Amino acid sequence: MVFPNSDNIRHHVYSFSKAKTFELKLYAGKPKKPIEFENNGVVIVGCNIHDSMVGSIYVAKNSAMMTDETGKVTLDFDPMIEKISIWHPLQKNNPEERKIIDLKDYPSYDYREGYNVSIDVGEPASRDTFGDTY
């Protein structure tokens, strides 16, 4: 993955996440080499210069799907799969942990509606950008 810097401010991008630890020291433009993500999991990325610049990268071993604006997703997978994982960047538990759902034992299955799975989320962190636009 490439982390291009398209503004006129230098950035220092880093991650201490279990799935990938890396650091791109102060740079402008485009870093010399892309970052390779070998392990699946959640990678929280920040900027050492701008504390409010935080992002998440979800690295999937197989495939990943995103919900629509109502929070629903249609899963197209092998019915023999017994477990899935879900994740949200604003989840209340550890932001690097995925919630594992055992579909075989999940009580909310309805053959017309499917599974009804939820995850507790909080409010986004307040940004302190001092009125600057990035």
N, C-alpha and C. Protein backbone atom coordinates (compact mmCIF):
# COMPACT_ATOMS: atom_id res chain seq x y z
N MET A 1 0.85 -1.15 0.00
CA MET A 1 0.00 0.00 0.00
C MET A 1 0.90 1.23 0.00
N VAL A 2 0.50 2.22 -0.76
CA VAL A 2 1.25 3.47 -0.84
C VAL A 2 0.50 4.54 -0.06
N PHE A 3 1.23 5.36 0.66
CA PHE A 3 0.66 6.44 1.44
C PHE A 3 1.09 7.77 0.84
N PRO A 4 0.46 8.19 -0.25
CA PRO A 4 0.87 9.46 -0.87
C PRO A 4 0.50 10.65 0.00
N ASN A 5 1.34 11.65 -0.05
CA ASN A 5 1.12 12.88 0.69
C ASN A 5 0.81 13.96 -0.34
N SER A 6 -0.45 14.33 -0.45
CA SER A 6 -0.85 15.26 -1.51
C SER A 6 -1.00 16.70 -1.03
N ASP A 7 -0.63 16.99 0.21
CA ASP A 7 -0.69 18.38 0.65
C ASP A 7 0.74 18.94 0.77
N ASN A 8 0.88 20.14 1.23
CA ASN A 8 2.20 20.75 1.31
C ASN A 8 2.81 20.66 2.72
N ILE A 9 2.30 19.76 3.53
CA ILE A 9 2.80 19.54 4.89
C ILE A 9 3.42 18.16 4.95
N ARG A 10 4.60 18.07 5.53
CA ARG A 10 5.24 16.75 5.64
C ARG A 10 4.56 15.94 6.74
N HIS A 11 4.49 14.63 6.55
CA HIS A 11 3.85 13.74 7.50
C HIS A 11 4.82 12.65 7.93
N HIS A 12 4.52 12.02 9.05
CA HIS A 12 5.32 10.94 9.62
C HIS A 12 4.33 9.83 9.98
N VAL A 13 4.10 8.91 9.07
CA VAL A 13 3.08 7.88 9.20
C VAL A 13 3.66 6.65 9.90
N TYR A 14 2.89 6.08 10.82
CA TYR A 14 3.39 4.93 11.58
C TYR A 14 2.25 4.03 12.03
N SER A 15 2.60 2.82 12.44
CA SER A 15 1.66 1.90 13.07
C SER A 15 2.42 1.00 14.02
N PHE A 16 1.83 0.77 15.20
CA PHE A 16 2.38 -0.17 16.17
C PHE A 16 1.47 -1.40 16.29
N SER A 17 0.59 -1.60 15.33
CA SER A 17 -0.40 -2.68 15.38
C SER A 17 0.27 -4.05 15.27
N LYS A 18 -0.38 -5.06 15.89
CA LYS A 18 0.13 -6.43 15.82
C LYS A 18 0.20 -6.93 14.38
N ALA A 19 -0.79 -6.59 13.56
CA ALA A 19 -0.82 -7.08 12.18
C ALA A 19 0.29 -6.49 11.32
N LYS A 20 0.71 -5.27 11.61
CA LYS A 20 1.80 -4.64 10.85
C LYS A 20 2.35 -3.45 11.62
N THR A 21 3.63 -3.48 11.91
CA THR A 21 4.33 -2.36 12.51
C THR A 21 5.21 -1.74 11.43
N PHE A 22 5.11 -0.42 11.26
CA PHE A 22 5.94 0.26 10.27
C PHE A 22 6.05 1.73 10.61
N GLU A 23 6.97 2.40 9.92
CA GLU A 23 7.17 3.83 10.12
C GLU A 23 7.66 4.43 8.81
N LEU A 24 7.00 5.51 8.39
CA LEU A 24 7.45 6.31 7.25
C LEU A 24 7.82 7.67 7.82
N LYS A 25 9.11 7.89 8.02
CA LYS A 25 9.56 9.13 8.65
C LYS A 25 9.21 10.33 7.77
N LEU A 26 9.29 11.52 8.34
CA LEU A 26 8.88 12.75 7.66
C LEU A 26 9.12 12.70 6.16
N TYR A 27 8.03 12.87 5.41
CA TYR A 27 8.15 12.83 3.95
C TYR A 27 7.11 13.72 3.30
N ALA A 28 7.39 14.09 2.09
CA ALA A 28 6.46 14.83 1.24
C ALA A 28 6.33 14.02 -0.04
N GLY A 29 5.24 14.18 -0.75
CA GLY A 29 5.05 13.45 -2.00
C GLY A 29 4.72 11.99 -1.75
N LYS A 30 5.49 11.11 -2.36
CA LYS A 30 5.22 9.67 -2.29
C LYS A 30 6.42 8.96 -1.66
N PRO A 31 6.19 8.08 -0.68
CA PRO A 31 7.30 7.33 -0.08
C PRO A 31 8.03 6.49 -1.14
N LYS A 32 9.29 6.18 -0.85
CA LYS A 32 10.12 5.43 -1.81
C LYS A 32 9.57 4.04 -2.10
N LYS A 33 9.07 3.37 -1.07
CA LYS A 33 8.57 1.99 -1.24
C LYS A 33 7.19 1.86 -0.65
N PRO A 34 6.33 1.02 -1.26
CA PRO A 34 5.02 0.75 -0.64
C PRO A 34 5.18 -0.11 0.60
N ILE A 35 4.19 -0.09 1.45
CA ILE A 35 4.17 -0.94 2.64
C ILE A 35 3.41 -2.22 2.28
N GLU A 36 4.01 -3.36 2.55
CA GLU A 36 3.39 -4.66 2.30
C GLU A 36 2.71 -5.15 3.57
N PHE A 37 1.48 -5.63 3.44
CA PHE A 37 0.73 -6.17 4.57
C PHE A 37 0.65 -7.68 4.43
N GLU A 38 1.53 -8.39 5.12
CA GLU A 38 1.62 -9.85 5.02
C GLU A 38 0.60 -10.57 5.90
N ASN A 39 0.20 -9.97 6.99
CA ASN A 39 -0.68 -10.61 7.98
C ASN A 39 -2.07 -9.98 7.96
N ASN A 40 -3.07 -10.83 8.14
CA ASN A 40 -4.42 -10.28 8.23
C ASN A 40 -4.64 -9.69 9.62
N GLY A 41 -5.56 -8.76 9.69
CA GLY A 41 -5.88 -8.10 10.95
C GLY A 41 -6.15 -6.63 10.73
N VAL A 42 -6.23 -5.90 11.81
CA VAL A 42 -6.53 -4.48 11.77
C VAL A 42 -5.24 -3.71 12.05
N VAL A 43 -4.96 -2.74 11.19
CA VAL A 43 -3.78 -1.90 11.34
C VAL A 43 -4.24 -0.47 11.60
N ILE A 44 -3.93 0.05 12.78
CA ILE A 44 -4.26 1.43 13.12
C ILE A 44 -3.06 2.28 12.70
N VAL A 45 -3.34 3.32 11.91
CA VAL A 45 -2.28 4.15 11.34
C VAL A 45 -2.44 5.57 11.89
N GLY A 46 -1.33 6.19 12.24
CA GLY A 46 -1.37 7.56 12.72
C GLY A 46 -0.27 8.39 12.10
N CYS A 47 -0.32 9.68 12.37
CA CYS A 47 0.71 10.62 11.92
C CYS A 47 1.37 11.19 13.17
N ASN A 48 2.67 11.06 13.26
CA ASN A 48 3.41 11.51 14.44
C ASN A 48 3.43 13.03 14.56
N ILE A 49 3.14 13.72 13.49
CA ILE A 49 3.13 15.19 13.49
C ILE A 49 1.74 15.72 13.81
N HIS A 50 0.70 15.05 13.30
CA HIS A 50 -0.68 15.49 13.44
C HIS A 50 -1.47 14.42 14.19
N ASP A 51 -1.63 14.59 15.51
CA ASP A 51 -2.27 13.58 16.35
C ASP A 51 -3.68 13.23 15.92
N SER A 52 -4.40 14.16 15.31
CA SER A 52 -5.79 13.88 14.95
C SER A 52 -5.91 13.08 13.65
N MET A 53 -4.81 12.86 12.96
CA MET A 53 -4.84 12.08 11.72
C MET A 53 -4.65 10.60 12.07
N VAL A 54 -5.76 9.87 12.14
CA VAL A 54 -5.75 8.47 12.51
C VAL A 54 -6.63 7.72 11.52
N GLY A 55 -6.19 6.56 11.11
CA GLY A 55 -6.99 5.75 10.19
C GLY A 55 -6.84 4.28 10.52
N SER A 56 -7.67 3.47 9.91
CA SER A 56 -7.66 2.02 10.12
C SER A 56 -7.61 1.33 8.78
N ILE A 57 -6.84 0.25 8.72
CA ILE A 57 -6.78 -0.58 7.52
C ILE A 57 -7.16 -1.99 7.96
N TYR A 58 -8.15 -2.56 7.29
CA TYR A 58 -8.58 -3.93 7.60
C TYR A 58 -7.96 -4.83 6.54
N VAL A 59 -7.05 -5.69 6.95
CA VAL A 59 -6.37 -6.62 6.05
C VAL A 59 -7.04 -7.98 6.20
N ALA A 60 -7.67 -8.45 5.12
CA ALA A 60 -8.44 -9.70 5.18
C ALA A 60 -7.64 -10.85 4.56
N LYS A 61 -7.68 -12.00 5.23
CA LYS A 61 -7.01 -13.19 4.72
C LYS A 61 -7.73 -13.70 3.48
N ASN A 62 -9.05 -13.72 3.50
CA ASN A 62 -9.82 -14.23 2.37
C ASN A 62 -10.53 -13.09 1.65
N SER A 63 -11.66 -12.68 2.16
CA SER A 63 -12.38 -11.58 1.54
C SER A 63 -13.02 -10.73 2.65
N ALA A 64 -13.39 -9.52 2.26
CA ALA A 64 -14.03 -8.62 3.21
C ALA A 64 -15.20 -7.95 2.51
N MET A 65 -16.21 -7.63 3.28
CA MET A 65 -17.39 -6.96 2.74
C MET A 65 -17.72 -5.78 3.64
N MET A 66 -18.31 -4.76 3.04
CA MET A 66 -18.70 -3.58 3.81
C MET A 66 -20.21 -3.46 3.84
N THR A 67 -20.72 -2.95 4.95
CA THR A 67 -22.16 -2.74 5.08
C THR A 67 -22.59 -1.55 4.23
N ASP A 68 -23.89 -1.48 3.98
CA ASP A 68 -24.44 -0.31 3.30
C ASP A 68 -24.69 0.78 4.34
N GLU A 69 -25.33 1.87 3.93
CA GLU A 69 -25.56 2.99 4.85
C GLU A 69 -26.48 2.65 6.01
N THR A 70 -27.25 1.55 5.89
CA THR A 70 -28.12 1.14 6.99
C THR A 70 -27.45 0.12 7.90
N GLY A 71 -26.22 -0.26 7.58
CA GLY A 71 -25.49 -1.23 8.40
C GLY A 71 -25.72 -2.67 8.01
N LYS A 72 -26.32 -2.92 6.84
CA LYS A 72 -26.60 -4.29 6.40
C LYS A 72 -25.63 -4.70 5.30
N VAL A 73 -25.34 -5.98 5.27
CA VAL A 73 -24.50 -6.55 4.22
C VAL A 73 -25.06 -7.91 3.85
N THR A 74 -24.99 -8.25 2.58
CA THR A 74 -25.38 -9.57 2.12
C THR A 74 -24.12 -10.39 1.98
N LEU A 75 -24.01 -11.43 2.79
CA LEU A 75 -22.83 -12.28 2.76
C LEU A 75 -23.02 -13.38 1.72
N ASP A 76 -22.08 -13.47 0.83
CA ASP A 76 -22.09 -14.50 -0.19
C ASP A 76 -20.92 -15.43 0.10
N PHE A 77 -21.18 -16.49 0.88
CA PHE A 77 -20.10 -17.39 1.25
C PHE A 77 -20.61 -18.82 1.33
N ASP A 78 -19.70 -19.74 1.43
CA ASP A 78 -19.99 -21.16 1.52
C ASP A 78 -20.82 -21.42 2.79
N PRO A 79 -22.00 -22.06 2.66
CA PRO A 79 -22.83 -22.31 3.85
C PRO A 79 -22.18 -23.24 4.88
N MET A 80 -21.09 -23.88 4.51
CA MET A 80 -20.37 -24.74 5.45
C MET A 80 -19.49 -23.93 6.40
N ILE A 81 -19.30 -22.66 6.11
CA ILE A 81 -18.50 -21.80 7.00
C ILE A 81 -19.25 -21.64 8.31
N GLU A 82 -18.55 -21.88 9.40
CA GLU A 82 -19.19 -21.80 10.72
C GLU A 82 -18.89 -20.51 11.45
N LYS A 83 -17.81 -19.83 11.09
CA LYS A 83 -17.43 -18.62 11.81
C LYS A 83 -17.10 -17.49 10.84
N ILE A 84 -17.50 -16.28 11.23
CA ILE A 84 -17.11 -15.08 10.51
C ILE A 84 -16.59 -14.08 11.54
N SER A 85 -15.88 -13.08 11.08
CA SER A 85 -15.43 -12.03 11.99
C SER A 85 -16.01 -10.70 11.51
N ILE A 86 -16.34 -9.84 12.47
CA ILE A 86 -16.83 -8.51 12.13
C ILE A 86 -15.97 -7.48 12.88
N TRP A 87 -15.94 -6.28 12.32
CA TRP A 87 -15.11 -5.23 12.89
C TRP A 87 -15.67 -3.88 12.47
N HIS A 88 -15.49 -2.88 13.31
CA HIS A 88 -15.90 -1.51 13.00
C HIS A 88 -14.85 -0.58 13.59
N PRO A 89 -14.45 0.48 12.87
CA PRO A 89 -13.40 1.35 13.39
C PRO A 89 -13.78 2.09 14.67
N LEU A 90 -15.07 2.21 14.97
CA LEU A 90 -15.49 2.91 16.19
C LEU A 90 -16.00 1.95 17.27
N GLN A 91 -15.67 0.67 17.14
CA GLN A 91 -16.16 -0.29 18.14
C GLN A 91 -15.60 0.05 19.50
N LYS A 92 -16.38 -0.29 20.53
CA LYS A 92 -16.03 0.09 21.90
C LYS A 92 -14.91 -0.76 22.49
N ASN A 93 -14.77 -2.00 22.03
CA ASN A 93 -13.66 -2.81 22.55
C ASN A 93 -12.39 -2.45 21.78
N ASN A 94 -11.34 -3.18 21.97
CA ASN A 94 -10.05 -2.93 21.34
C ASN A 94 -10.21 -2.72 19.83
N PRO A 95 -9.77 -1.58 19.28
CA PRO A 95 -9.98 -1.33 17.85
C PRO A 95 -9.19 -2.26 16.94
N GLU A 96 -8.23 -3.01 17.49
CA GLU A 96 -7.49 -3.96 16.66
C GLU A 96 -8.09 -5.36 16.69
N GLU A 97 -9.09 -5.59 17.53
CA GLU A 97 -9.67 -6.92 17.66
C GLU A 97 -10.94 -7.05 16.82
N ARG A 98 -11.08 -8.19 16.17
CA ARG A 98 -12.30 -8.49 15.42
C ARG A 98 -13.21 -9.34 16.29
N LYS A 99 -14.52 -9.17 16.16
CA LYS A 99 -15.48 -9.99 16.90
C LYS A 99 -15.74 -11.25 16.07
N ILE A 100 -15.50 -12.41 16.68
CA ILE A 100 -15.70 -13.68 15.98
C ILE A 100 -17.12 -14.16 16.27
N ILE A 101 -17.87 -14.45 15.21
CA ILE A 101 -19.25 -14.92 15.31
C ILE A 101 -19.30 -16.37 14.89
N ASP A 102 -19.77 -17.25 15.77
CA ASP A 102 -19.96 -18.66 15.46
C ASP A 102 -21.37 -18.81 14.90
N LEU A 103 -21.51 -18.89 13.59
CA LEU A 103 -22.81 -18.93 12.93
C LEU A 103 -23.62 -20.17 13.30
N LYS A 104 -22.96 -21.25 13.55
CA LYS A 104 -23.64 -22.50 13.89
C LYS A 104 -24.47 -22.38 15.16
N ASP A 105 -23.97 -21.62 16.11
CA ASP A 105 -24.65 -21.48 17.40
C ASP A 105 -25.36 -20.14 17.56
N TYR A 106 -25.33 -19.30 16.55
CA TYR A 106 -25.89 -17.96 16.68
C TYR A 106 -27.41 -18.02 16.71
N PRO A 107 -28.04 -17.49 17.76
CA PRO A 107 -29.49 -17.66 17.94
C PRO A 107 -30.36 -16.76 17.05
N SER A 108 -29.80 -15.75 16.38
CA SER A 108 -30.63 -14.78 15.67
C SER A 108 -30.84 -15.12 14.19
N TYR A 109 -30.72 -16.38 13.79
CA TYR A 109 -30.88 -16.71 12.38
C TYR A 109 -32.36 -16.77 12.00
N ASP A 110 -32.70 -16.12 10.90
CA ASP A 110 -34.05 -16.15 10.32
C ASP A 110 -33.85 -16.45 8.84
N TYR A 111 -34.44 -17.52 8.33
CA TYR A 111 -34.16 -17.93 6.95
C TYR A 111 -34.55 -16.88 5.92
N ARG A 112 -35.43 -15.94 6.26
CA ARG A 112 -35.78 -14.86 5.32
C ARG A 112 -34.86 -13.66 5.47
N GLU A 113 -34.51 -13.35 6.70
CA GLU A 113 -33.70 -12.16 6.99
C GLU A 113 -32.22 -12.46 7.17
N GLY A 114 -31.86 -13.70 7.45
CA GLY A 114 -30.46 -14.05 7.68
C GLY A 114 -30.08 -13.85 9.14
N TYR A 115 -28.83 -13.54 9.37
CA TYR A 115 -28.32 -13.32 10.72
C TYR A 115 -28.45 -11.85 11.08
N ASN A 116 -28.76 -11.60 12.33
CA ASN A 116 -28.82 -10.23 12.83
C ASN A 116 -27.69 -10.08 13.83
N VAL A 117 -26.58 -9.53 13.38
CA VAL A 117 -25.37 -9.40 14.20
C VAL A 117 -25.12 -7.92 14.45
N SER A 118 -24.78 -7.58 15.67
CA SER A 118 -24.49 -6.17 15.96
C SER A 118 -23.16 -6.06 16.71
N ILE A 119 -22.66 -4.85 16.71
CA ILE A 119 -21.41 -4.56 17.41
C ILE A 119 -21.58 -3.19 18.07
N ASP A 120 -21.13 -3.05 19.32
CA ASP A 120 -21.25 -1.78 20.04
C ASP A 120 -20.21 -0.79 19.52
N VAL A 121 -20.69 0.39 19.11
CA VAL A 121 -19.78 1.43 18.62
C VAL A 121 -19.97 2.70 19.43
N GLY A 122 -18.94 3.53 19.43
CA GLY A 122 -18.99 4.80 20.14
C GLY A 122 -18.93 5.96 19.16
N GLU A 123 -18.83 7.14 19.70
CA GLU A 123 -18.72 8.35 18.88
C GLU A 123 -17.29 8.48 18.37
N PRO A 124 -17.12 9.08 17.20
CA PRO A 124 -15.75 9.32 16.72
C PRO A 124 -15.02 10.29 17.65
N ALA A 125 -13.72 10.12 17.74
CA ALA A 125 -12.92 11.02 18.57
C ALA A 125 -12.98 12.43 18.01
N SER A 126 -12.99 13.41 18.91
CA SER A 126 -13.02 14.79 18.44
C SER A 126 -11.69 15.12 17.78
N ARG A 127 -11.76 15.93 16.75
CA ARG A 127 -10.56 16.34 16.02
C ARG A 127 -10.09 17.69 16.53
N ASP A 128 -8.80 17.84 16.66
CA ASP A 128 -8.22 19.10 17.10
C ASP A 128 -7.24 19.55 16.02
N THR A 129 -7.78 20.12 14.97
CA THR A 129 -6.93 20.53 13.86
C THR A 129 -6.68 22.03 13.83
N PHE A 130 -7.10 22.73 14.86
CA PHE A 130 -6.87 24.17 14.97
C PHE A 130 -7.37 24.92 13.75
N GLY A 131 -8.45 24.42 13.13
CA GLY A 131 -9.02 25.08 11.98
C GLY A 131 -8.29 24.83 10.69
N ASP A 132 -7.21 24.05 10.71
CA ASP A 132 -6.48 23.76 9.47
C ASP A 132 -7.23 22.71 8.66
N THR A 133 -7.08 22.77 7.37
CA THR A 133 -7.66 21.78 6.48
C THR A 133 -6.55 20.90 5.95
N TYR A 134 -6.72 19.59 6.06
CA TYR A 134 -5.70 18.65 5.58
C TYR A 134 -6.24 17.86 4.42
